[in-house]
């Protein structure tokens, strides 16, 4: 038994009518659903960035640094809360601190950084950066 193309098309249309499309379920087209999901994803990422206090390039505002940090003991991720300090520079600070602590000086275990100016020895930190981060540092 053979069926004509018209009969097959009619059967397909009947099956398609039984399955609700995106318009019937949410009242939105697929394009508007995708845009809504994209917008929601952007809002979530922005909220996470605000929560972490990190802006583009690792820069932060002064208000996001709530307390001071001790550069002689802070892990790298705490440095990223400082103005103009991104992840790579923060890791460079901790690597410098670790290497300087291993150097045989006088045998006594003294702190590597005695003042904010000592951070100028780390590659990538200059006088302007030292001035910006100095209020957020403490030296115990």
C-alpha atoms as a PDB file:
ATOM      1  CA  UNK A   1       0.000   0.000   0.000  1.00  0.00           C
ATOM      2  CA  UNK A   2       1.453   3.332  -1.027  1.00  0.00           C
ATOM      3  CA  UNK A   3       0.642   6.712   0.356  1.00  0.00           C
ATOM      4  CA  UNK A   4       0.912   9.962  -1.435  1.00  0.00           C
ATOM      5  CA  UNK A   5       3.161  12.819  -0.378  1.00  0.00           C
ATOM      6  CA  UNK A   6       0.105  14.783   0.667  1.00  0.00           C
ATOM      7  CA  UNK A   7      -0.950  12.090   3.132  1.00  0.00           C
ATOM      8  CA  UNK A   8       2.546  12.006   4.689  1.00  0.00           C
ATOM      9  CA  UNK A   9       2.581  15.802   5.021  1.00  0.00           C
ATOM     10  CA  UNK A  10      -0.820  15.758   6.695  1.00  0.00           C
ATOM     11  CA  UNK A  11       0.307  13.086   9.159  1.00  0.00           C
ATOM     12  CA  UNK A  12       3.448  15.081  10.018  1.00  0.00           C
ATOM     13  CA  UNK A  13       1.397  18.209  10.628  1.00  0.00           C
ATOM     14  CA  UNK A  14      -0.923  16.315  12.987  1.00  0.00           C
ATOM     15  CA  UNK A  15       2.044  14.997  15.024  1.00  0.00           C
ATOM     16  CA  UNK A  16       3.659  18.434  15.154  1.00  0.00           C
ATOM     17  CA  UNK A  17       0.422  19.911  16.424  1.00  0.00           C
ATOM     18  CA  UNK A  18       0.456  17.513  19.403  1.00  0.00           C
ATOM     19  CA  UNK A  19       3.929  18.626  20.620  1.00  0.00           C
ATOM     20  CA  UNK A  20       3.841  22.122  22.100  1.00  0.00           C
ATOM     21  CA  UNK A  21       6.516  24.469  20.816  1.00  0.00           C
ATOM     22  CA  UNK A  22       8.432  26.995  22.893  1.00  0.00           C
ATOM     23  CA  UNK A  23       5.696  29.590  22.356  1.00  0.00           C
ATOM     24  CA  UNK A  24       3.058  27.320  23.898  1.00  0.00           C
ATOM     25  CA  UNK A  25       5.146  26.442  26.964  1.00  0.00           C
ATOM     26  CA  UNK A  26       6.662  29.772  28.002  1.00  0.00           C
ATOM     27  CA  UNK A  27       5.097  32.242  25.637  1.00  0.00           C
ATOM     28  CA  UNK A  28       8.572  33.071  24.347  1.00  0.00           C
ATOM     29  CA  UNK A  29      10.329  32.229  21.122  1.00  0.00           C
ATOM     30  CA  UNK A  30      13.602  30.320  21.145  1.00  0.00           C
ATOM     31  CA  UNK A  31      15.501  33.543  20.379  1.00  0.00           C
ATOM     32  CA  UNK A  32      13.981  35.377  23.354  1.00  0.00           C
ATOM     33  CA  UNK A  33      14.656  32.393  25.620  1.00  0.00           C
ATOM     34  CA  UNK A  34      18.314  32.395  24.544  1.00  0.00           C
ATOM     35  CA  UNK A  35      18.575  36.148  25.139  1.00  0.00           C
ATOM     36  CA  UNK A  36      16.972  35.787  28.564  1.00  0.00           C
ATOM     37  CA  UNK A  37      19.416  33.025  29.529  1.00  0.00           C
ATOM     38  CA  UNK A  38      22.359  35.078  28.253  1.00  0.00           C
ATOM     39  CA  UNK A  39      21.226  38.099  30.258  1.00  0.00           C
ATOM     40  CA  UNK A  40      20.784  35.951  33.354  1.00  0.00           C
ATOM     41  CA  UNK A  41      24.290  34.525  32.923  1.00  0.00           C
ATOM     42  CA  UNK A  42      25.728  38.047  32.660  1.00  0.00           C
ATOM     43  CA  UNK A  43      23.917  39.136  35.813  1.00  0.00           C
ATOM     44  CA  UNK A  44      25.289  36.133  37.700  1.00  0.00           C
ATOM     45  CA  UNK A  45      28.850  36.800  36.508  1.00  0.00           C
ATOM     46  CA  UNK A  46      28.571  40.471  37.456  1.00  0.00           C
ATOM     47  CA  UNK A  47      27.291  39.554  40.914  1.00  0.00           C
ATOM     48  CA  UNK A  48      30.208  37.168  41.387  1.00  0.00           C
ATOM     49  CA  UNK A  49      32.694  39.859  40.334  1.00  0.00           C
ATOM     50  CA  UNK A  50      31.170  42.322  42.790  1.00  0.00           C
ATOM     51  CA  UNK A  51      31.199  39.687  45.513  1.00  0.00           C
ATOM     52  CA  UNK A  52      34.888  39.011  44.916  1.00  0.00           C
ATOM     53  CA  UNK A  53      35.600  42.736  44.711  1.00  0.00           C
ATOM     54  CA  UNK A  54      37.584  42.293  41.532  1.00  0.00           C
ATOM     55  CA  UNK A  55      37.180  44.465  38.476  1.00  0.00           C
ATOM     56  CA  UNK A  56      38.672  43.884  35.061  1.00  0.00           C
ATOM     57  CA  UNK A  57      42.446  43.444  35.137  1.00  0.00           C
ATOM     58  CA  UNK A  58      42.554  42.724  38.858  1.00  0.00           C
ATOM     59  CA  UNK A  59      41.888  46.343  39.773  1.00  0.00           C
ATOM     60  CA  UNK A  60      39.700  47.058  42.745  1.00  0.00           C
ATOM     61  CA  UNK A  61      38.174  50.113  44.258  1.00  0.00           C
ATOM     62  CA  UNK A  62      39.309  51.339  47.649  1.00  0.00           C
ATOM     63  CA  UNK A  63      35.951  50.410  49.162  1.00  0.00           C
ATOM     64  CA  UNK A  64      36.340  46.717  48.333  1.00  0.00           C
ATOM     65  CA  UNK A  65      39.412  46.257  50.540  1.00  0.00           C
ATOM     66  CA  UNK A  66      37.809  45.836  53.946  1.00  0.00           C
ATOM     67  CA  UNK A  67      40.879  45.199  56.071  1.00  0.00           C
ATOM     68  CA  UNK A  68      44.615  45.385  55.814  1.00  0.00           C
ATOM     69  CA  UNK A  69      46.763  42.418  54.920  1.00  0.00           C
ATOM     70  CA  UNK A  70      50.209  41.373  56.077  1.00  0.00           C
ATOM     71  CA  UNK A  71      52.345  40.919  52.942  1.00  0.00           C
ATOM     72  CA  UNK A  72      54.694  38.634  54.868  1.00  0.00           C
ATOM     73  CA  UNK A  73      51.987  36.035  55.498  1.00  0.00           C
ATOM     74  CA  UNK A  74      49.083  36.629  53.096  1.00  0.00           C
ATOM     75  CA  UNK A  75      48.342  33.989  50.439  1.00  0.00           C
ATOM     76  CA  UNK A  76      48.412  35.154  46.822  1.00  0.00           C
ATOM     77  CA  UNK A  77      44.640  35.456  46.479  1.00  0.00           C
ATOM     78  CA  UNK A  78      44.432  38.050  49.260  1.00  0.00           C
ATOM     79  CA  UNK A  79      46.764  40.305  47.285  1.00  0.00           C
ATOM     80  CA  UNK A  80      44.254  40.395  44.406  1.00  0.00           C
ATOM     81  CA  UNK A  81      41.940  42.495  46.589  1.00  0.00           C
ATOM     82  CA  UNK A  82      44.512  45.296  46.474  1.00  0.00           C
ATOM     83  CA  UNK A  83      44.329  48.042  43.851  1.00  0.00           C
ATOM     84  CA  UNK A  84      46.264  47.281  40.635  1.00  0.00           C
ATOM     85  CA  UNK A  85      47.223  43.766  41.769  1.00  0.00           C
ATOM     86  CA  UNK A  86      46.037  40.937  39.544  1.00  0.00           C
ATOM     87  CA  UNK A  87      46.576  37.211  39.912  1.00  0.00           C
ATOM     88  CA  UNK A  88      49.946  37.051  38.163  1.00  0.00           C
ATOM     89  CA  UNK A  89      51.394  39.934  40.166  1.00  0.00           C
ATOM     90  CA  UNK A  90      49.988  38.499  43.395  1.00  0.00           C
ATOM     91  CA  UNK A  91      51.643  35.169  42.657  1.00  0.00           C
ATOM     92  CA  UNK A  92      54.892  36.997  41.851  1.00  0.00           C
ATOM     93  CA  UNK A  93      54.780  38.714  45.272  1.00  0.00           C
ATOM     94  CA  UNK A  94      54.390  35.416  47.116  1.00  0.00           C
ATOM     95  CA  UNK A  95      57.089  33.777  44.980  1.00  0.00           C
ATOM     96  CA  UNK A  96      59.463  36.660  45.750  1.00  0.00           C
ATOM     97  CA  UNK A  97      58.645  36.372  49.450  1.00  0.00           C
ATOM     98  CA  UNK A  98      59.285  32.610  49.443  1.00  0.00           C
ATOM     99  CA  UNK A  99      62.574  32.953  47.553  1.00  0.00           C
ATOM    100  CA  UNK A 100      63.790  35.835  49.729  1.00  0.00           C
ATOM    101  CA  UNK A 101      62.976  33.870  52.891  1.00  0.00           C
ATOM    102  CA  UNK A 102      65.197  31.006  51.673  1.00  0.00           C
ATOM    103  CA  UNK A 103      68.256  33.225  51.203  1.00  0.00           C
ATOM    104  CA  UNK A 104      70.837  32.719  53.940  1.00  0.00           C
ATOM    105  CA  UNK A 105      71.206  36.157  55.528  1.00  0.00           C
ATOM    106  CA  UNK A 106      72.040  36.150  59.203  1.00  0.00           C
ATOM    107  CA  UNK A 107      70.281  32.926  60.117  1.00  0.00           C
ATOM    108  CA  UNK A 108      67.405  34.643  61.893  1.00  0.00           C
ATOM    109  CA  UNK A 109      63.927  34.278  60.427  1.00  0.00           C
ATOM    110  CA  UNK A 110      63.012  37.900  59.764  1.00  0.00           C
ATOM    111  CA  UNK A 111      60.155  39.218  57.636  1.00  0.00           C
ATOM    112  CA  UNK A 112      60.920  39.858  53.986  1.00  0.00           C
ATOM    113  CA  UNK A 113      58.849  43.036  53.783  1.00  0.00           C
ATOM    114  CA  UNK A 114      59.422  45.647  56.495  1.00  0.00           C
ATOM    115  CA  UNK A 115      57.499  48.443  54.752  1.00  0.00           C
ATOM    116  CA  UNK A 116      55.422  49.016  51.643  1.00  0.00           C
ATOM    117  CA  UNK A 117      58.519  50.364  49.888  1.00  0.00           C
ATOM    118  CA  UNK A 118      60.081  46.881  50.073  1.00  0.00           C
ATOM    119  CA  UNK A 119      57.441  45.638  47.634  1.00  0.00           C
ATOM    120  CA  UNK A 120      59.086  47.831  44.990  1.00  0.00           C
ATOM    121  CA  UNK A 121      61.699  45.062  44.653  1.00  0.00           C
ATOM    122  CA  UNK A 122      59.077  42.727  43.166  1.00  0.00           C
ATOM    123  CA  UNK A 123      59.112  42.803  39.361  1.00  0.00           C
ATOM    124  CA  UNK A 124      55.999  44.612  38.132  1.00  0.00           C
ATOM    125  CA  UNK A 125      55.485  46.796  41.187  1.00  0.00           C
ATOM    126  CA  UNK A 126      56.585  50.390  40.868  1.00  0.00           C
ATOM    127  CA  UNK A 127      56.373  53.473  43.051  1.00  0.00           C
ATOM    128  CA  UNK A 128      52.807  54.316  41.949  1.00  0.00           C
ATOM    129  CA  UNK A 129      51.544  50.851  42.834  1.00  0.00           C
ATOM    130  CA  UNK A 130      53.329  51.003  46.193  1.00  0.00           C
ATOM    131  CA  UNK A 131      51.569  54.298  46.963  1.00  0.00           C
ATOM    132  CA  UNK A 132      48.175  52.826  46.061  1.00  0.00           C
ATOM    133  CA  UNK A 133      48.508  49.633  48.086  1.00  0.00           C
ATOM    134  CA  UNK A 134      50.369  51.061  51.108  1.00  0.00           C
ATOM    135  CA  UNK A 135      47.194  52.051  53.034  1.00  0.00           C
ATOM    136  CA  UNK A 136      45.966  48.453  52.764  1.00  0.00           C
ATOM    137  CA  UNK A 137      49.075  46.802  54.195  1.00  0.00           C
ATOM    138  CA  UNK A 138      50.126  46.133  57.759  1.00  0.00           C
ATOM    139  CA  UNK A 139      53.522  45.001  58.987  1.00  0.00           C
ATOM    140  CA  UNK A 140      53.408  43.028  62.223  1.00  0.00           C
END
